[in-house]
Amino acid sequence: VGTGAGFPGMVLKIVRNDIDLTLLDGLNKRLIFLDEVLKT
């Protein structure tokens, strides 16, 4: 909740890919960044 640049959610997902993760934030430009990380 309020993931920002993906902390801690993105790190948790990279370490444990089995996690069913939702990244929530009120600022869309941060989510565009996180989409790029996920895609890459």
Full PDB file with SEQRES, HELIX, SHEET, SSBOND, CRYST1, ORIGX, SCALE, CONECT and MASTER records, all heavy atoms in Angstrom:
SEQRES   1 A   40  VAL GLY THR GLY ALA GLY PHE PRO GLY MET VAL LEU LYS          
SEQRES   2 A   40  ILE VAL ARG ASN ASP ILE ASP LEU THR LEU LEU ASP GLY          
SEQRES   3 A   40  LEU ASN LYS ARG LEU ILE PHE LEU ASP GLU VAL LEU LYS          
SEQRES   4 A   40  THR                                                          
HELIX    1 AA1 GLY A    9  VAL A   15  1                                   7    
HELIX    2 AA2 ASN A   28  LYS A   39  1                                  12    
CRYST1    1.000    1.000    1.000  90.00  90.00  90.00 P 1           1          
ORIGX1      1.000000  0.000000  0.000000        0.00000                         
ORIGX2      0.000000  1.000000  0.000000        0.00000                         
ORIGX3      0.000000  0.000000  1.000000        0.00000                         
SCALE1      1.000000  0.000000  0.000000        0.00000                         
SCALE2      0.000000  1.000000  0.000000        0.00000                         
SCALE3      0.000000  0.000000  1.000000        0.00000                         
ATOM      1  N   VAL A   1       0.849  -1.197   0.000  1.00  0.00           N  
ATOM      2  CA  VAL A   1       0.000   0.000   0.000  1.00  0.00           C  
ATOM      3  C   VAL A   1       0.883   1.245   0.000  1.00  0.00           C  
ATOM      4  O   VAL A   1       1.678   1.452   0.910  1.00  0.00           O  
ATOM      5  CB  VAL A   1      -0.932  -0.003   1.224  1.00  0.00           C  
ATOM      6  CG1 VAL A   1      -1.814   1.243   1.231  1.00  0.00           C  
ATOM      7  CG2 VAL A   1      -1.795  -1.269   1.239  1.00  0.00           C  
ATOM      8  N   GLY A   2       0.722   2.073  -1.033  1.00  0.00           N  
ATOM      9  CA  GLY A   2       1.595   3.222  -1.184  1.00  0.00           C  
ATOM     10  C   GLY A   2       3.000   2.786  -1.530  1.00  0.00           C  
ATOM     11  O   GLY A   2       3.984   3.199  -0.926  1.00  0.00           O  
ATOM     12  N   THR A   3       3.110   1.952  -2.557  1.00  0.00           N  
ATOM     13  CA  THR A   3       4.369   1.270  -2.868  1.00  0.00           C  
ATOM     14  C   THR A   3       5.487   2.206  -3.294  1.00  0.00           C  
ATOM     15  O   THR A   3       6.656   1.888  -3.135  1.00  0.00           O  
ATOM     16  CB  THR A   3       4.136   0.182  -3.939  1.00  0.00           C  
ATOM     17  OG1 THR A   3       5.347  -0.529  -4.168  1.00  0.00           O  
ATOM     18  CG2 THR A   3       3.651   0.789  -5.254  1.00  0.00           C  
ATOM     19  N   GLY A   4       5.163   3.360  -3.850  1.00  0.00           N  
ATOM     20  CA  GLY A   4       6.207   4.294  -4.271  1.00  0.00           C  
ATOM     21  C   GLY A   4       7.074   3.708  -5.367  1.00  0.00           C  
ATOM     22  O   GLY A   4       6.590   3.332  -6.437  1.00  0.00           O  
ATOM     23  N   ALA A   5       8.361   3.579  -5.097  1.00  0.00           N  
ATOM     24  CA  ALA A   5       9.289   3.014  -6.080  1.00  0.00           C  
ATOM     25  C   ALA A   5       9.349   1.488  -6.013  1.00  0.00           C  
ATOM     26  O   ALA A   5      10.210   0.875  -6.632  1.00  0.00           O  
ATOM     27  CB  ALA A   5      10.683   3.598  -5.863  1.00  0.00           C  
ATOM     28  N   GLY A   6       8.433   0.893  -5.232  1.00  0.00           N  
ATOM     29  CA  GLY A   6       8.351  -0.569  -5.164  1.00  0.00           C  
ATOM     30  C   GLY A   6       8.887  -1.186  -3.898  1.00  0.00           C  
ATOM     31  O   GLY A   6       9.176  -2.384  -3.854  1.00  0.00           O  
ATOM     32  N   PHE A   7       8.973  -0.376  -2.842  1.00  0.00           N  
ATOM     33  CA  PHE A   7       9.500  -0.874  -1.569  1.00  0.00           C  
ATOM     34  C   PHE A   7       8.395  -0.960  -0.524  1.00  0.00           C  
ATOM     35  O   PHE A   7       7.725   0.035  -0.257  1.00  0.00           O  
ATOM     36  CB  PHE A   7      10.624   0.041  -1.071  1.00  0.00           C  
ATOM     37  CG  PHE A   7      11.717   0.242  -2.075  1.00  0.00           C  
ATOM     38  CD1 PHE A   7      12.023   1.506  -2.539  1.00  0.00           C  
ATOM     39  CD2 PHE A   7      12.427  -0.838  -2.581  1.00  0.00           C  
ATOM     40  CE1 PHE A   7      13.025   1.693  -3.476  1.00  0.00           C  
ATOM     41  CE2 PHE A   7      13.433  -0.652  -3.522  1.00  0.00           C  
ATOM     42  CZ  PHE A   7      13.731   0.617  -3.971  1.00  0.00           C  
ATOM     43  N   PRO A   8       8.173  -2.152   0.046  1.00  0.00           N  
ATOM     44  CA  PRO A   8       8.983  -3.365  -0.122  1.00  0.00           C  
ATOM     45  C   PRO A   8       8.497  -4.325  -1.203  1.00  0.00           C  
ATOM     46  O   PRO A   8       9.164  -5.308  -1.494  1.00  0.00           O  
ATOM     47  CB  PRO A   8       8.849  -4.038   1.243  1.00  0.00           C  
ATOM     48  CG  PRO A   8       7.446  -3.734   1.657  1.00  0.00           C  
ATOM     49  CD  PRO A   8       7.197  -2.322   1.161  1.00  0.00           C  
ATOM     50  N   GLY A   9       7.327  -4.072  -1.807  1.00  0.00           N  
ATOM     51  CA  GLY A   9       6.669  -5.086  -2.628  1.00  0.00           C  
ATOM     52  C   GLY A   9       7.496  -5.656  -3.760  1.00  0.00           C  
ATOM     53  O   GLY A   9       7.554  -6.880  -3.949  1.00  0.00           O  
ATOM     54  N   MET A  10       8.127  -4.793  -4.539  1.00  0.00           N  
ATOM     55  CA  MET A  10       8.894  -5.286  -5.688  1.00  0.00           C  
ATOM     56  C   MET A  10      10.069  -6.149  -5.233  1.00  0.00           C  
ATOM     57  O   MET A  10      10.386  -7.169  -5.861  1.00  0.00           O  
ATOM     58  CB  MET A  10       9.390  -4.116  -6.537  1.00  0.00           C  
ATOM     59  CG  MET A  10      10.072  -4.541  -7.826  1.00  0.00           C  
ATOM     60  SD  MET A  10       8.943  -5.313  -9.024  1.00  0.00           S  
ATOM     61  CE  MET A  10       8.137  -3.835  -9.669  1.00  0.00           C  
ATOM     62  N   VAL A  11      10.715  -5.753  -4.141  1.00  0.00           N  
ATOM     63  CA  VAL A  11      11.834  -6.553  -3.627  1.00  0.00           C  
ATOM     64  C   VAL A  11      11.333  -7.921  -3.168  1.00  0.00           C  
ATOM     65  O   VAL A  11      11.953  -8.949  -3.454  1.00  0.00           O  
ATOM     66  CB  VAL A  11      12.548  -5.819  -2.472  1.00  0.00           C  
ATOM     67  CG1 VAL A  11      13.655  -6.695  -1.880  1.00  0.00           C  
ATOM     68  CG2 VAL A  11      13.120  -4.491  -2.955  1.00  0.00           C  
ATOM     69  N   LEU A  12      10.193  -7.949  -2.474  1.00  0.00           N  
ATOM     70  CA  LEU A  12       9.635  -9.221  -2.020  1.00  0.00           C  
ATOM     71  C   LEU A  12       9.343 -10.139  -3.200  1.00  0.00           C  
ATOM     72  O   LEU A  12       9.602 -11.342  -3.158  1.00  0.00           O  
ATOM     73  CB  LEU A  12       8.356  -8.983  -1.215  1.00  0.00           C  
ATOM     74  CG  LEU A  12       8.452  -8.065   0.007  1.00  0.00           C  
ATOM     75  CD1 LEU A  12       7.114  -8.028   0.744  1.00  0.00           C  
ATOM     76  CD2 LEU A  12       9.568  -8.498   0.954  1.00  0.00           C  
ATOM     77  N   LYS A  13       8.822  -9.577  -4.277  1.00  0.00           N  
ATOM     78  CA  LYS A  13       8.475 -10.364  -5.470  1.00  0.00           C  
ATOM     79  C   LYS A  13       9.719 -10.902  -6.162  1.00  0.00           C  
ATOM     80  O   LYS A  13       9.742 -12.051  -6.625  1.00  0.00           O  
ATOM     81  CB  LYS A  13       7.661  -9.493  -6.441  1.00  0.00           C  
ATOM     82  CG  LYS A  13       7.269 -10.183  -7.740  1.00  0.00           C  
ATOM     83  CD  LYS A  13       6.257 -11.286  -7.511  1.00  0.00           C  
ATOM     84  CE  LYS A  13       5.801 -11.903  -8.836  1.00  0.00           C  
ATOM     85  NZ  LYS A  13       4.819 -12.993  -8.638  1.00  0.00           N  
ATOM     86  N   ILE A  14      10.772 -10.089  -6.243  1.00  0.00           N  
ATOM     87  CA  ILE A  14      12.013 -10.542  -6.884  1.00  0.00           C  
ATOM     88  C   ILE A  14      12.628 -11.690  -6.088  1.00  0.00           C  
ATOM     89  O   ILE A  14      13.116 -12.669  -6.652  1.00  0.00           O  
ATOM     90  CB  ILE A  14      13.005  -9.366  -7.023  1.00  0.00           C  
ATOM     91  CG1 ILE A  14      12.479  -8.357  -8.051  1.00  0.00           C  
ATOM     92  CG2 ILE A  14      14.393  -9.859  -7.441  1.00  0.00           C  
ATOM     93  CD1 ILE A  14      13.273  -7.063  -8.125  1.00  0.00           C  
ATOM     94  N   VAL A  15      12.561 -11.589  -4.769  1.00  0.00           N  
ATOM     95  CA  VAL A  15      13.122 -12.637  -3.909  1.00  0.00           C  
ATOM     96  C   VAL A  15      12.242 -13.873  -3.888  1.00  0.00           C  
ATOM     97  O   VAL A  15      12.742 -15.005  -3.860  1.00  0.00           O  
ATOM     98  CB  VAL A  15      13.339 -12.084  -2.483  1.00  0.00           C  
ATOM     99  CG1 VAL A  15      13.758 -13.186  -1.517  1.00  0.00           C  
ATOM    100  CG2 VAL A  15      14.394 -10.982  -2.497  1.00  0.00           C  
ATOM    101  N   ARG A  16      10.924 -13.666  -3.911  1.00  0.00           N  
ATOM    102  CA  ARG A  16       9.957 -14.778  -3.858  1.00  0.00           C  
ATOM    103  C   ARG A  16       8.945 -14.614  -4.985  1.00  0.00           C  
ATOM    104  O   ARG A  16       7.878 -14.015  -4.821  1.00  0.00           O  
ATOM    105  CB  ARG A  16       9.249 -14.777  -2.501  1.00  0.00           C  
ATOM    106  CG  ARG A  16      10.038 -15.347  -1.334  1.00  0.00           C  
ATOM    107  CD  ARG A  16       9.889 -16.860  -1.223  1.00  0.00           C  
ATOM    108  NE  ARG A  16       8.495 -17.252  -1.166  1.00  0.00           N  
ATOM    109  CZ  ARG A  16       7.776 -17.342  -0.047  1.00  0.00           C  
ATOM    110  NH1 ARG A  16       8.333 -17.083   1.130  1.00  0.00           N  
ATOM    111  NH2 ARG A  16       6.513 -17.719  -0.080  1.00  0.00           N  
ATOM    112  N   ASN A  17       9.280 -15.170  -6.148  1.00  0.00           N  
ATOM    113  CA  ASN A  17       8.432 -15.003  -7.330  1.00  0.00           C  
ATOM    114  C   ASN A  17       7.057 -15.655  -7.172  1.00  0.00           C  
ATOM    115  O   ASN A  17       6.120 -15.345  -7.905  1.00  0.00           O  
ATOM    116  CB  ASN A  17       9.146 -15.571  -8.558  1.00  0.00           C  
ATOM    117  CG  ASN A  17       8.428 -15.252  -9.853  1.00  0.00           C  
ATOM    118  OD1 ASN A  17       7.690 -14.283  -9.938  1.00  0.00           O  
ATOM    119  ND2 ASN A  17       8.640 -16.076 -10.861  1.00  0.00           N  
ATOM    120  N   ASP A  18       6.917 -16.578  -6.198  1.00  0.00           N  
ATOM    121  CA  ASP A  18       5.630 -17.259  -6.006  1.00  0.00           C  
ATOM    122  C   ASP A  18       4.560 -16.339  -5.407  1.00  0.00           C  
ATOM    123  O   ASP A  18       3.363 -16.643  -5.457  1.00  0.00           O  
ATOM    124  CB  ASP A  18       5.810 -18.466  -5.087  1.00  0.00           C  
ATOM    125  CG  ASP A  18       6.286 -18.065  -3.693  1.00  0.00           C  
ATOM    126  OD1 ASP A  18       7.497 -17.848  -3.525  1.00  0.00           O  
ATOM    127  OD2 ASP A  18       5.446 -17.945  -2.779  1.00  0.00           O  
ATOM    128  N   ILE A  19       4.973 -15.214  -4.824  1.00  0.00           N  
ATOM    129  CA  ILE A  19       4.024 -14.309  -4.184  1.00  0.00           C  
ATOM    130  C   ILE A  19       3.056 -13.734  -5.213  1.00  0.00           C  
ATOM    131  O   ILE A  19       3.438 -13.362  -6.323  1.00  0.00           O  
ATOM    132  CB  ILE A  19       4.774 -13.158  -3.469  1.00  0.00           C  
ATOM    133  CG1 ILE A  19       5.519 -13.675  -2.240  1.00  0.00           C  
ATOM    134  CG2 ILE A  19       3.832 -12.024  -3.080  1.00  0.00           C  
ATOM    135  CD1 ILE A  19       6.494 -12.682  -1.653  1.00  0.00           C  
ATOM    136  N   ASP A  20       1.784 -13.671  -4.856  1.00  0.00           N  
ATOM    137  CA  ASP A  20       0.746 -13.025  -5.670  1.00  0.00           C  
ATOM    138  C   ASP A  20       0.678 -11.571  -5.211  1.00  0.00           C  
ATOM    139  O   ASP A  20       0.068 -11.251  -4.195  1.00  0.00           O  
ATOM    140  CB  ASP A  20      -0.587 -13.735  -5.448  1.00  0.00           C  
ATOM    141  CG  ASP A  20      -1.711 -13.195  -6.320  1.00  0.00           C  
ATOM    142  OD1 ASP A  20      -1.546 -12.114  -6.913  1.00  0.00           O  
ATOM    143  OD2 ASP A  20      -2.779 -13.842  -6.387  1.00  0.00           O  
ATOM    144  N   LEU A  21       1.329 -10.687  -5.963  1.00  0.00           N  
ATOM    145  CA  LEU A  21       1.579  -9.322  -5.503  1.00  0.00           C  
ATOM    146  C   LEU A  21       0.685  -8.295  -6.172  1.00  0.00           C  
ATOM    147  O   LEU A  21       0.456  -8.344  -7.380  1.00  0.00           O  
ATOM    148  CB  LEU A  21       3.053  -8.963  -5.779  1.00  0.00           C  
ATOM    149  CG  LEU A  21       3.487  -7.539  -5.422  1.00  0.00           C  
ATOM    150  CD1 LEU A  21       3.448  -7.305  -3.914  1.00  0.00           C  
ATOM    151  CD2 LEU A  21       4.884  -7.249  -5.972  1.00  0.00           C  
ATOM    152  N   THR A  22       0.222  -7.343  -5.362  1.00  0.00           N  
ATOM    153  CA  THR A  22      -0.442  -6.144  -5.863  1.00  0.00           C  
ATOM    154  C   THR A  22       0.347  -4.925  -5.387  1.00  0.00           C  
ATOM    155  O   THR A  22       0.646  -4.801  -4.201  1.00  0.00           O  
ATOM    156  CB  THR A  22      -1.891  -6.043  -5.344  1.00  0.00           C  
ATOM    157  OG1 THR A  22      -2.643  -7.167  -5.822  1.00  0.00           O  
ATOM    158  CG2 THR A  22      -2.566  -4.760  -5.827  1.00  0.00           C  
ATOM    159  N   LEU A  23       0.681  -4.057  -6.332  1.00  0.00           N  
ATOM    160  CA  LEU A  23       1.376  -2.809  -6.035  1.00  0.00           C  
ATOM    161  C   LEU A  23       0.388  -1.664  -6.203  1.00  0.00           C  
ATOM    162  O   LEU A  23      -0.119  -1.429  -7.308  1.00  0.00           O  
ATOM    163  CB  LEU A  23       2.564  -2.620  -6.979  1.00  0.00           C  
ATOM    164  CG  LEU A  23       3.648  -3.696  -6.917  1.00  0.00           C  
ATOM    165  CD1 LEU A  23       4.550  -3.618  -8.146  1.00  0.00           C  
ATOM    166  CD2 LEU A  23       4.478  -3.555  -5.650  1.00  0.00           C  
ATOM    167  N   LEU A  24       0.093  -0.959  -5.118  1.00  0.00           N  
ATOM    168  CA  LEU A  24      -0.919   0.098  -5.155  1.00  0.00           C  
ATOM    169  C   LEU A  24      -0.288   1.440  -4.836  1.00  0.00           C  
ATOM    170  O   LEU A  24       0.457   1.573  -3.862  1.00  0.00           O  
ATOM    171  CB  LEU A  24      -2.042  -0.217  -4.164  1.00  0.00           C  
ATOM    172  CG  LEU A  24      -3.211   0.774  -4.120  1.00  0.00           C  
ATOM    173  CD1 LEU A  24      -4.536   0.033  -3.950  1.00  0.00           C  
ATOM    174  CD2 LEU A  24      -3.051   1.789  -2.989  1.00  0.00           C  
ATOM    175  N   ASP A  25      -0.595   2.430  -5.662  1.00  0.00           N  
ATOM    176  CA  ASP A  25      -0.096   3.776  -5.406  1.00  0.00           C  
ATOM    177  C   ASP A  25      -1.037   4.794  -6.041  1.00  0.00           C  
ATOM    178  O   ASP A  25      -1.687   4.516  -7.058  1.00  0.00           O  
ATOM    179  CB  ASP A  25       1.324   3.953  -5.968  1.00  0.00           C  
ATOM    180  CG  ASP A  25       2.068   5.085  -5.285  1.00  0.00           C  
ATOM    181  OD1 ASP A  25       1.953   6.239  -5.738  1.00  0.00           O  
ATOM    182  OD2 ASP A  25       2.752   4.818  -4.272  1.00  0.00           O  
ATOM    183  N   GLY A  26      -1.081   5.979  -5.439  1.00  0.00           N  
ATOM    184  CA  GLY A  26      -1.947   7.037  -5.955  1.00  0.00           C  
ATOM    185  C   GLY A  26      -1.310   7.871  -7.043  1.00  0.00           C  
ATOM    186  O   GLY A  26      -1.987   8.713  -7.654  1.00  0.00           O  
ATOM    187  N   LEU A  27      -0.008   7.670  -7.307  1.00  0.00           N  
ATOM    188  CA  LEU A  27       0.707   8.457  -8.312  1.00  0.00           C  
ATOM    189  C   LEU A  27       1.046   7.570  -9.498  1.00  0.00           C  
ATOM    190  O   LEU A  27       1.866   6.658  -9.386  1.00  0.00           O  
ATOM    191  CB  LEU A  27       1.974   9.056  -7.697  1.00  0.00           C  
ATOM    192  CG  LEU A  27       2.632  10.213  -8.443  1.00  0.00           C  
ATOM    193  CD1 LEU A  27       1.669  11.390  -8.580  1.00  0.00           C  
ATOM    194  CD2 LEU A  27       3.895  10.664  -7.723  1.00  0.00           C  
ATOM    195  N   ASN A  28       0.428   7.850 -10.645  1.00  0.00           N  
ATOM    196  CA  ASN A  28       0.515   6.948 -11.780  1.00  0.00           C  
ATOM    197  C   ASN A  28       1.925   6.840 -12.350  1.00  0.00           C  
ATOM    198  O   ASN A  28       2.320   5.776 -12.840  1.00  0.00           O  
ATOM    199  CB  ASN A  28      -0.455   7.384 -12.878  1.00  0.00           C  
ATOM    200  CG  ASN A  28      -0.669   6.306 -13.921  1.00  0.00           C  
ATOM    201  OD1 ASN A  28      -0.940   5.154 -13.576  1.00  0.00           O  
ATOM    202  ND2 ASN A  28      -0.545   6.656 -15.182  1.00  0.00           N  
ATOM    203  N   LYS A  29       2.696   7.919 -12.292  1.00  0.00           N  
ATOM    204  CA  LYS A  29       4.036   7.851 -12.903  1.00  0.00           C  
ATOM    205  C   LYS A  29       4.923   6.837 -12.187  1.00  0.00           C  
ATOM    206  O   LYS A  29       5.798   6.225 -12.799  1.00  0.00           O  
ATOM    207  CB  LYS A  29       4.690   9.232 -12.937  1.00  0.00           C  
ATOM    208  CG  LYS A  29       4.999   9.860 -11.601  1.00  0.00           C  
ATOM    209  CD  LYS A  29       5.622  11.244 -11.806  1.00  0.00           C  
ATOM    210  CE  LYS A  29       6.000  11.898 -10.486  1.00  0.00           C  
ATOM    211  NZ  LYS A  29       6.640  13.229 -10.696  1.00  0.00           N  
ATOM    212  N   ARG A  30       4.696   6.645 -10.892  1.00  0.00           N  
ATOM    213  CA  ARG A  30       5.451   5.607 -10.186  1.00  0.00           C  
ATOM    214  C   ARG A  30       5.073   4.226 -10.717  1.00  0.00           C  
ATOM    215  O   ARG A  30       5.914   3.333 -10.847  1.00  0.00           O  
ATOM    216  CB  ARG A  30       5.179   5.681  -8.693  1.00  0.00           C  
ATOM    217  CG  ARG A  30       5.718   6.932  -8.011  1.00  0.00           C  
ATOM    218  CD  ARG A  30       5.271   6.972  -6.576  1.00  0.00           C  
ATOM    219  NE  ARG A  30       5.678   8.199  -5.892  1.00  0.00           N  
ATOM    220  CZ  ARG A  30       5.045   8.712  -4.853  1.00  0.00           C  
ATOM    221  NH1 ARG A  30       3.964   8.117  -4.363  1.00  0.00           N  
ATOM    222  NH2 ARG A  30       5.477   9.821  -4.288  1.00  0.00           N  
ATOM    223  N   LEU A  31       3.790   4.051 -11.008  1.00  0.00           N  
ATOM    224  CA  LEU A  31       3.325   2.755 -11.492  1.00  0.00           C  
ATOM    225  C   LEU A  31       3.823   2.475 -12.906  1.00  0.00           C  
ATOM    226  O   LEU A  31       4.053   1.314 -13.270  1.00  0.00           O  
ATOM    227  CB  LEU A  31       1.801   2.703 -11.429  1.00  0.00           C  
ATOM    228  CG  LEU A  31       1.218   2.873 -10.014  1.00  0.00           C  
ATOM    229  CD1 LEU A  31      -0.300   2.872 -10.054  1.00  0.00           C  
ATOM    230  CD2 LEU A  31       1.719   1.782  -9.074  1.00  0.00           C  
ATOM    231  N   ILE A  32       3.995   3.526 -13.707  1.00  0.00           N  
ATOM    232  CA  ILE A  32       4.579   3.352 -15.037  1.00  0.00           C  
ATOM    233  C   ILE A  32       6.006   2.823 -14.894  1.00  0.00           C  
ATOM    234  O   ILE A  32       6.433   1.916 -15.625  1.00  0.00           O  
ATOM    235  CB  ILE A  32       4.550   4.683 -15.815  1.00  0.00           C  
ATOM    236  CG1 ILE A  32       3.097   5.077 -16.118  1.00  0.00           C  
ATOM    237  CG2 ILE A  32       5.348   4.565 -17.115  1.00  0.00           C  
ATOM    238  CD1 ILE A  32       2.950   6.474 -16.697  1.00  0.00           C  
ATOM    239  N   PHE A  33       6.733   3.368 -13.925  1.00  0.00           N  
ATOM    240  CA  PHE A  33       8.082   2.867 -13.634  1.00  0.00           C  
ATOM    241  C   PHE A  33       8.036   1.404 -13.208  1.00  0.00           C  
ATOM    242  O   PHE A  33       8.808   0.571 -13.703  1.00  0.00           O  
ATOM    243  CB  PHE A  33       8.731   3.718 -12.541  1.00  0.00           C  
ATOM    244  CG  PHE A  33       9.900   3.057 -11.855  1.00  0.00           C  
ATOM    245  CD1 PHE A  33      11.093   2.857 -12.531  1.00  0.00           C  
ATOM    246  CD2 PHE A  33       9.797   2.621 -10.535  1.00  0.00           C  
ATOM    247  CE1 PHE A  33      12.173   2.231 -11.899  1.00  0.00           C  
ATOM    248  CE2 PHE A  33      10.864   2.005  -9.906  1.00  0.00           C  
ATOM    249  CZ  PHE A  33      12.055   1.802 -10.590  1.00  0.00           C  
ATOM    250  N   LEU A  34       7.134   1.063 -12.301  1.00  0.00           N  
ATOM    251  CA  LEU A  34       7.054  -0.311 -11.808  1.00  0.00           C  
ATOM    252  C   LEU A  34       6.628  -1.271 -12.914  1.00  0.00           C  
ATOM    253  O   LEU A  34       7.097  -2.413 -12.962  1.00  0.00           O  
ATOM    254  CB  LEU A  34       6.091  -0.383 -10.622  1.00  0.00           C  
ATOM    255  CG  LEU A  34       6.561   0.373  -9.376  1.00  0.00           C  
ATOM    256  CD1 LEU A  34       5.485   0.357  -8.299  1.00  0.00           C  
ATOM    257  CD2 LEU A  34       7.864  -0.212  -8.844  1.00  0.00           C  
ATOM    258  N   ASP A  35       5.761  -0.821 -13.802  1.00  0.00           N  
ATOM    259  CA  ASP A  35       5.394  -1.640 -14.968  1.00  0.00           C  
ATOM    260  C   ASP A  35       6.628  -1.966 -15.804  1.00  0.00           C  
ATOM    261  O   ASP A  35       6.780  -3.089 -16.305  1.00  0.00           O  
ATOM    262  CB  ASP A  35       4.373  -0.890 -15.834  1.00  0.00           C  
ATOM    263  CG  ASP A  35       2.943  -1.304 -15.531  1.00  0.00           C  
ATOM    264  OD1 ASP A  35       2.720  -2.474 -15.157  1.00  0.00           O  
ATOM    265  OD2 ASP A  35       2.042  -0.462 -15.676  1.00  0.00           O  
ATOM    266  N   GLU A  36       7.498  -0.986 -15.959  1.00  0.00           N  
ATOM    267  CA  GLU A  36       8.723  -1.188 -16.733  1.00  0.00           C  
ATOM    268  C   GLU A  36       9.631  -2.194 -16.047  1.00  0.00           C  
ATOM    269  O   GLU A  36      10.239  -3.053 -16.705  1.00  0.00           O  
ATOM    270  CB  GLU A  36       9.449   0.154 -16.922  1.00  0.00           C  
ATOM    271  CG  GLU A  36      10.750   0.066 -17.704  1.00  0.00           C  
ATOM    272  CD  GLU A  36      10.544  -0.331 -19.165  1.00  0.00           C  
ATOM    273  OE1 GLU A  36       9.406  -0.193 -19.682  1.00  0.00           O  
ATOM    274  OE2 GLU A  36      11.524  -0.789 -19.787  1.00  0.00           O  
ATOM    275  N   VAL A  37       9.733  -2.105 -14.715  1.00  0.00           N  
ATOM    276  CA  VAL A  37      10.547  -3.070 -13.968  1.00  0.00           C  
ATOM    277  C   VAL A  37       9.994  -4.481 -14.150  1.00  0.00           C  
ATOM    278  O   VAL A  37      10.739  -5.433 -14.446  1.00  0.00           O  
ATOM    279  CB  VAL A  37      10.598  -2.703 -12.474  1.00  0.00           C  
ATOM    280  CG1 VAL A  37      11.363  -3.778 -11.686  1.00  0.00           C  
ATOM    281  CG2 VAL A  37      11.262  -1.345 -12.264  1.00  0.00           C  
ATOM    282  N   LEU A  38       8.688  -4.633 -13.980  1.00  0.00           N  
ATOM    283  CA  LEU A  38       8.056  -5.948 -14.127  1.00  0.00           C  
ATOM    284  C   LEU A  38       8.272  -6.514 -15.531  1.00  0.00           C  
ATOM    285  O   LEU A  38       8.602  -7.694 -15.699  1.00  0.00           O  
ATOM    286  CB  LEU A  38       6.556  -5.840 -13.830  1.00  0.00           C  
ATOM    287  CG  LEU A  38       6.177  -5.572 -12.370  1.00  0.00           C  
ATOM    288  CD1 LEU A  38       4.712  -5.152 -12.267  1.00  0.00           C  
ATOM    289  CD2 LEU A  38       6.428  -6.801 -11.497  1.00  0.00           C  
ATOM    290  N   LYS A  39       8.080  -5.669 -16.529  1.00  0.00           N  
ATOM    291  CA  LYS A  39       8.245  -6.100 -17.917  1.00  0.00           C  
ATOM    292  C   LYS A  39       9.687  -6.524 -18.181  1.00  0.00           C  
ATOM    293  O   LYS A  39       9.951  -7.576 -18.791  1.00  0.00           O  
ATOM    294  CB  LYS A  39       7.842  -4.955 -18.852  1.00  0.00           C  
ATOM    295  CG  LYS A  39       7.995  -5.268 -20.332  1.00  0.00           C  
ATOM    296  CD  LYS A  39       7.597  -4.062 -21.179  1.00  0.00           C  
ATOM    297  CE  LYS A  39       7.843  -4.323 -22.660  1.00  0.00           C  
ATOM    298  NZ  LYS A  39       7.503  -3.119 -23.477  1.00  0.00           N  
ATOM    299  N   THR A  40      10.651  -5.724 -17.713  1.00  0.00           N  
ATOM    300  CA  THR A  40      12.065  -6.016 -17.948  1.00  0.00           C  
ATOM    301  C   THR A  40      12.480  -7.322 -17.276  1.00  0.00           C  
ATOM    302  O   THR A  40      13.234  -8.120 -17.838  1.00  0.00           O  
ATOM    303  CB  THR A  40      12.942  -4.862 -17.435  1.00  0.00           C  
ATOM    304  OG1 THR A  40      12.554  -3.648 -18.082  1.00  0.00           O  
ATOM    305  CG2 THR A  40      14.417  -5.120 -17.705  1.00  0.00           C  
TER     306      THR A  40                                                      
MASTER        0    0    0    2    0    0    0    6  305    1    0    4          
END                                                                             
